[in-house]
Amino acid sequence: MQCRLFFSAPEPDARRLYELLDVEFERDGHTIAITEIDEAAGLHSVELYVDEAGLDEARARMHAVVARAGVEGAIETETLPDIDWVARSLEGLKPVRAGRFLVHGAHDRDQVRANDLSIEIEAAQAFGTGHHGTTAGCLEMIADVVRRERPASVLDLGTGSGVLAIAVAKLAHVPVLATDIDPIATAVAARNMRLNRVGADVDAVTATGFRHREIARRAPYDLIVANILARPLMQLAPGMARHLRPGGSLILSGILARQRNAVIAAYAGQRFGHVRTLTRGEWVSLHLKR
């Protein structure tokens, strides 16, 4: 069961609180939103979505953030109906084009053109439908890097629904190892790989960071793709350096534009050079080379 914690405040206070909550819960993967609820009064609602099991902890942390922000008001709680919101949201999503890639659901198979590289994603509990700016940016960068560098071994770290691993396999026809910390995501990714007929090229394993024997066995990699979040990416920089072949490429995303320089600096300390930044809305994708 999922719950919604929400707090109403004037727009300046709400936006400050939203930014603080984004930093506080950045590594937890919780959804945070801000919406206008009363245009005349200038009121906005800041919302945090969590599983029921983690509700008490999340509420306590949100209280601490509100106190630190010096904003007056009460945190309210709502238990949401037990609905597969991911499945429902995907039903209404239109296909997304990113270069030659077309990411779509089963209901939009008729939108695939002759020269498209089609990626069909089923509705399930895993991040990554192609509609988010981070995924779309990664897809465009993958197309460019694979065309220029023709990597022979690829790691997709934090694969989510498997979109990026599927994209590499369809474009390059090379072995890809896809990993995720969440076993549900790993299972979903494996199903999507079979659905897209790349199961022979892509293996999915559950792993935390680089801690899995299969990751070590296949290293070093010519290309590592990681669409996670800025702070974990910065912490993973030494591991990226150890597992990437000299001259290899990194494609990193899940990074807000304001976090870009900090991520680049963390990787510069591991002898990575910045090649390109691709911006999609408030998100950036980075291409780095060692």
Protein backbone atom coordinates (compact mmCIF):
# COMPACT_ATOMS: atom_id res chain seq x y z
CA MET A 1 0.00 0.00 0.00
CA GLN A 2 1.31 3.46 -0.90
CA CYS A 3 0.82 6.62 1.14
CA ARG A 4 1.01 10.31 0.33
CA LEU A 5 2.48 12.82 2.77
CA PHE A 6 1.59 16.36 1.78
CA PHE A 7 2.14 19.89 3.06
CA SER A 8 0.44 23.07 1.85
CA ALA A 9 2.25 26.42 1.78
CA PRO A 10 2.62 29.64 -0.25
CA GLU A 11 4.59 29.08 -3.43
CA PRO A 12 8.02 30.42 -2.26
CA ASP A 13 7.92 28.30 0.90
CA ALA A 14 6.62 25.27 -1.01
CA ARG A 15 9.39 25.48 -3.59
CA ARG A 16 12.06 25.81 -0.89
CA LEU A 17 10.60 22.81 0.92
CA TYR A 18 10.43 20.83 -2.32
CA GLU A 19 14.14 21.42 -2.97
CA LEU A 20 15.10 20.41 0.58
CA LEU A 21 12.98 17.24 0.38
CA ASP A 22 14.57 16.42 -2.97
CA VAL A 23 18.01 16.48 -1.33
CA GLU A 24 16.85 14.61 1.81
CA PHE A 25 15.22 11.74 -0.08
CA GLU A 26 17.45 11.74 -3.16
CA ARG A 27 18.95 8.31 -2.43
CA ASP A 28 15.65 6.68 -1.40
CA GLY A 29 13.93 6.77 -4.78
CA HIS A 30 10.67 8.23 -3.41
CA THR A 31 8.51 10.34 -5.71
CA ILE A 32 8.35 14.02 -4.71
CA ALA A 33 5.97 16.46 -6.40
CA ILE A 34 4.82 20.05 -6.14
CA THR A 35 1.41 21.14 -7.46
CA GLU A 36 -0.64 24.32 -7.41
CA ILE A 37 -3.83 23.87 -5.36
CA ASP A 38 -5.18 27.43 -5.08
CA GLU A 39 -4.14 29.93 -7.75
CA ALA A 40 -5.88 32.89 -6.10
CA ALA A 41 -4.21 32.28 -2.73
CA GLY A 42 -0.89 31.21 -4.28
CA LEU A 43 -0.94 27.93 -2.38
CA HIS A 44 1.04 24.88 -3.49
CA SER A 45 1.12 21.31 -2.18
CA VAL A 46 4.44 19.51 -1.66
CA GLU A 47 3.93 15.74 -1.79
CA LEU A 48 6.04 12.73 -0.84
CA TYR A 49 4.94 9.22 -1.89
CA VAL A 50 6.15 6.28 0.21
CA ASP A 51 5.26 2.67 0.93
CA GLU A 52 3.18 2.12 4.05
CA ALA A 53 6.03 0.18 5.70
CA GLY A 54 8.28 3.24 5.58
CA LEU A 55 5.60 5.80 6.43
CA ASP A 56 6.63 6.57 10.03
CA GLU A 57 10.29 7.05 9.18
CA ALA A 58 9.48 9.20 6.13
CA ARG A 59 7.06 11.36 8.14
CA ALA A 60 9.68 11.95 10.86
CA ARG A 61 12.29 12.93 8.26
CA MET A 62 9.81 15.20 6.49
CA HIS A 63 8.96 16.87 9.84
CA ALA A 64 12.66 17.56 10.38
CA VAL A 65 12.98 19.10 6.91
CA VAL A 66 9.92 21.30 7.48
CA ALA A 67 11.34 22.49 10.80
CA ARG A 68 14.71 23.20 9.21
CA ALA A 69 13.00 25.21 6.46
CA GLY A 70 11.19 27.29 9.08
CA VAL A 71 7.84 26.77 7.34
CA GLU A 72 4.70 26.69 9.46
CA GLY A 73 1.96 24.14 8.85
CA ALA A 74 0.97 20.51 9.32
CA ILE A 75 1.96 17.41 7.36
CA GLU A 76 -1.12 15.46 6.29
CA THR A 77 -1.26 11.78 5.36
CA GLU A 78 -3.41 9.95 2.81
CA THR A 79 -3.49 6.21 2.08
CA LEU A 80 -3.84 5.66 -1.64
CA PRO A 81 -6.03 2.97 -3.25
CA ASP A 82 -4.21 -0.27 -4.10
CA ILE A 83 -3.98 0.38 -7.84
CA ASP A 84 -1.15 -0.42 -10.24
CA TRP A 85 -0.45 3.24 -10.93
CA VAL A 86 2.47 2.43 -13.25
CA ALA A 87 0.26 0.26 -15.45
CA ARG A 88 -2.50 2.86 -15.47
CA SER A 89 -0.13 5.70 -16.35
CA LEU A 90 1.50 3.72 -19.16
CA GLU A 91 -1.90 3.13 -20.76
CA GLY A 92 -2.13 6.84 -21.52
CA LEU A 93 1.48 7.47 -22.55
CA LYS A 94 2.26 8.14 -26.16
CA PRO A 95 5.27 6.54 -27.86
CA VAL A 96 8.55 8.40 -27.32
CA ARG A 97 11.15 8.90 -30.03
CA ALA A 98 14.81 9.35 -29.16
CA GLY A 99 16.90 9.24 -32.31
CA ARG A 100 16.11 5.93 -34.06
CA PHE A 101 14.59 4.47 -30.90
CA LEU A 102 10.85 4.30 -30.37
CA VAL A 103 9.82 3.36 -26.83
CA HIS A 104 6.20 2.25 -26.68
CA GLY A 105 3.67 0.00 -25.02
CA ALA A 106 1.89 -2.96 -26.60
CA HIS A 107 -1.06 -0.71 -27.47
CA ASP A 108 1.15 1.40 -29.81
CA ARG A 109 2.86 -1.31 -31.86
CA ASP A 110 1.20 0.14 -34.96
CA GLN A 111 3.29 3.33 -34.53
CA VAL A 112 6.58 1.52 -35.31
CA ARG A 113 8.08 2.60 -38.64
CA ALA A 114 10.24 0.56 -40.97
CA ASN A 115 13.59 2.00 -39.78
CA ASP A 116 12.72 2.34 -36.09
CA LEU A 117 14.54 0.45 -33.38
CA SER A 118 11.47 -0.51 -31.41
CA ILE A 119 11.63 -0.97 -27.63
CA GLU A 120 8.39 -2.30 -26.17
CA ILE A 121 8.03 -1.90 -22.42
CA GLU A 122 5.29 -3.62 -20.46
CA ALA A 123 3.60 -1.91 -17.55
CA ALA A 124 5.33 -3.10 -14.38
CA GLN A 125 7.03 -1.96 -11.19
CA ALA A 126 10.28 -0.66 -12.64
CA PHE A 127 11.57 2.77 -13.52
CA GLY A 128 12.23 3.75 -17.13
CA THR A 129 9.63 4.14 -19.86
CA GLY A 130 11.55 6.56 -22.07
CA HIS A 131 9.23 9.43 -21.13
CA HIS A 132 11.50 10.76 -18.41
CA GLY A 133 14.15 13.23 -19.56
CA THR A 134 16.94 11.08 -18.12
CA THR A 135 15.96 7.98 -20.12
CA ALA A 136 15.38 9.85 -23.36
CA GLY A 137 18.71 11.66 -22.97
CA CYS A 138 20.54 8.38 -22.37
CA LEU A 139 18.98 6.82 -25.45
CA GLU A 140 20.22 9.66 -27.64
CA MET A 141 23.71 9.45 -26.15
CA ILE A 142 23.80 5.66 -26.52
CA ALA A 143 23.01 5.97 -30.23
CA ASP A 144 25.85 8.47 -30.70
CA VAL A 145 28.49 6.67 -28.61
CA VAL A 146 27.76 3.20 -29.99
CA ARG A 147 27.93 4.51 -33.56
CA ARG A 148 31.27 6.24 -32.96
CA GLU A 149 33.02 3.76 -30.66
CA ARG A 150 31.45 0.35 -31.36
CA PRO A 151 31.86 -1.03 -27.81
CA ALA A 152 32.29 -4.79 -27.49
CA SER A 153 31.31 -5.12 -23.80
CA VAL A 154 28.68 -3.03 -22.00
CA LEU A 155 27.37 -2.68 -18.44
CA ASP A 156 24.01 -1.07 -17.67
CA LEU A 157 24.20 -0.23 -13.95
CA GLY A 158 20.78 0.39 -12.38
CA THR A 159 18.83 -0.96 -15.34
CA GLY A 160 15.28 -0.37 -14.06
CA SER A 161 12.94 -1.62 -16.77
CA GLY A 162 15.89 -2.55 -19.00
CA VAL A 163 15.27 0.13 -21.64
CA LEU A 164 18.92 1.18 -21.99
CA ALA A 165 20.32 -2.35 -22.05
CA ILE A 166 17.77 -3.29 -24.71
CA ALA A 167 18.73 -0.21 -26.73
CA VAL A 168 22.44 -1.12 -26.69
CA ALA A 169 21.73 -4.73 -27.62
CA LYS A 170 19.47 -3.77 -30.54
CA LEU A 171 21.92 -1.19 -31.83
CA ALA A 172 25.27 -2.91 -31.26
CA HIS A 173 24.43 -6.65 -31.06
CA VAL A 174 27.03 -7.15 -28.30
CA PRO A 175 26.89 -8.76 -24.83
CA VAL A 176 25.30 -6.48 -22.23
CA LEU A 177 25.15 -7.05 -18.48
CA ALA A 178 22.21 -5.27 -16.84
CA THR A 179 22.13 -4.91 -13.04
CA ASP A 180 19.80 -3.41 -10.48
CA ILE A 181 19.69 -3.26 -6.69
CA ASP A 182 15.95 -4.11 -6.78
CA PRO A 183 15.08 -7.76 -7.57
CA ILE A 184 11.67 -6.66 -8.88
CA ALA A 185 13.38 -4.40 -11.40
CA THR A 186 15.74 -7.21 -12.41
CA ALA A 187 12.81 -9.56 -13.04
CA VAL A 188 10.92 -6.90 -15.01
CA ALA A 189 14.02 -6.11 -17.07
CA ALA A 190 14.52 -9.80 -17.91
CA ARG A 191 10.90 -10.04 -19.10
CA ASN A 192 11.29 -6.92 -21.23
CA MET A 193 14.49 -8.32 -22.75
CA ARG A 194 12.67 -11.49 -23.79
CA LEU A 195 9.76 -9.41 -25.10
CA ASN A 196 12.21 -7.41 -27.26
CA ARG A 197 14.07 -10.55 -28.40
CA VAL A 198 17.46 -9.57 -26.99
CA GLY A 199 17.55 -12.18 -24.23
CA ALA A 200 20.46 -13.94 -25.92
CA ASP A 201 22.62 -10.80 -25.70
CA VAL A 202 21.55 -9.33 -22.34
CA ASP A 203 21.85 -10.87 -18.88
CA ALA A 204 20.12 -9.31 -15.87
CA VAL A 205 21.43 -9.77 -12.31
CA THR A 206 20.53 -8.26 -8.95
CA ALA A 207 23.50 -6.40 -7.49
CA THR A 208 24.36 -3.48 -5.22
CA GLY A 209 26.79 -1.23 -7.02
CA PHE A 210 29.65 -3.33 -8.38
CA ARG A 211 29.31 -6.08 -5.77
CA HIS A 212 28.55 -9.12 -7.92
CA ARG A 213 30.96 -11.72 -9.25
CA GLU A 214 29.46 -11.52 -12.75
CA ILE A 215 30.26 -7.80 -12.94
CA ALA A 216 33.89 -8.50 -12.00
CA ARG A 217 34.14 -11.50 -14.33
CA ARG A 218 33.17 -9.47 -17.40
CA ALA A 219 35.24 -6.38 -16.60
CA PRO A 220 36.73 -4.24 -17.96
CA TYR A 221 33.93 -2.71 -20.04
CA ASP A 222 34.12 -0.52 -23.13
CA LEU A 223 30.93 1.32 -22.12
CA ILE A 224 29.11 1.71 -18.81
CA VAL A 225 25.66 3.30 -18.72
CA ALA A 226 24.19 4.39 -15.38
CA ASN A 227 20.89 6.25 -15.07
CA ILE A 228 20.60 6.48 -11.29
CA LEU A 229 20.88 9.65 -9.16
CA ALA A 230 23.66 12.20 -8.71
CA ARG A 231 24.85 11.27 -5.21
CA PRO A 232 25.11 7.50 -5.83
CA LEU A 233 26.85 8.22 -9.13
CA MET A 234 29.44 10.35 -7.33
CA GLN A 235 30.01 7.59 -4.77
CA LEU A 236 30.42 5.04 -7.57
CA ALA A 237 33.13 7.04 -9.38
CA PRO A 238 36.10 4.95 -8.08
CA GLY A 239 34.28 1.74 -9.02
CA MET A 240 33.57 3.10 -12.49
CA ALA A 241 37.28 3.78 -12.93
CA ARG A 242 38.19 0.23 -11.87
CA HIS A 243 35.67 -1.46 -14.15
CA LEU A 244 35.99 0.67 -17.30
CA ARG A 245 38.65 0.00 -19.89
CA PRO A 246 41.14 2.88 -20.41
CA GLY A 247 39.68 4.96 -23.23
CA GLY A 248 36.19 3.64 -22.50
CA SER A 249 33.06 5.76 -22.16
CA LEU A 250 30.57 6.48 -19.40
CA ILE A 251 27.02 7.67 -20.00
CA LEU A 252 25.58 9.00 -16.73
CA SER A 253 22.13 10.39 -16.00
CA GLY A 254 19.58 10.90 -13.26
CA ILE A 255 21.37 14.21 -12.71
CA LEU A 256 19.66 17.57 -12.22
CA ALA A 257 21.21 20.46 -14.12
CA ARG A 258 22.29 22.09 -10.83
CA GLN A 259 24.17 18.87 -9.89
CA ARG A 260 26.10 18.61 -13.17
CA ASN A 261 29.33 20.32 -12.09
CA ALA A 262 29.58 18.33 -8.85
CA VAL A 263 29.26 15.04 -10.74
CA ILE A 264 31.84 16.08 -13.33
CA ALA A 265 34.24 17.11 -10.54
CA ALA A 266 33.84 13.75 -8.77
CA TYR A 267 34.78 11.93 -11.97
CA ALA A 268 37.61 14.31 -12.83
CA GLY A 269 39.21 13.05 -9.61
CA GLN A 270 39.18 9.57 -11.17
CA ARG A 271 40.78 10.82 -14.41
CA PHE A 272 37.59 11.08 -16.43
CA GLY A 273 37.20 13.88 -18.94
CA HIS A 274 33.89 15.50 -19.86
CA VAL A 275 32.94 15.03 -23.49
CA ARG A 276 29.35 16.19 -23.78
CA THR A 277 26.28 17.26 -21.82
CA LEU A 278 22.79 16.67 -23.17
CA THR A 279 19.96 18.58 -21.46
CA ARG A 280 16.32 17.51 -21.34
CA GLY A 281 14.24 19.88 -19.21
CA GLU A 282 15.78 20.07 -15.73
CA TRP A 283 17.80 16.87 -16.25
CA VAL A 284 21.18 16.28 -17.88
CA SER A 285 22.96 13.25 -19.31
CA LEU A 286 26.76 13.21 -19.35
CA HIS A 287 29.27 11.52 -21.65
CA LEU A 288 32.65 11.06 -19.95
CA LYS A 289 35.79 9.29 -21.12
CA ARG A 290 38.65 7.81 -19.14
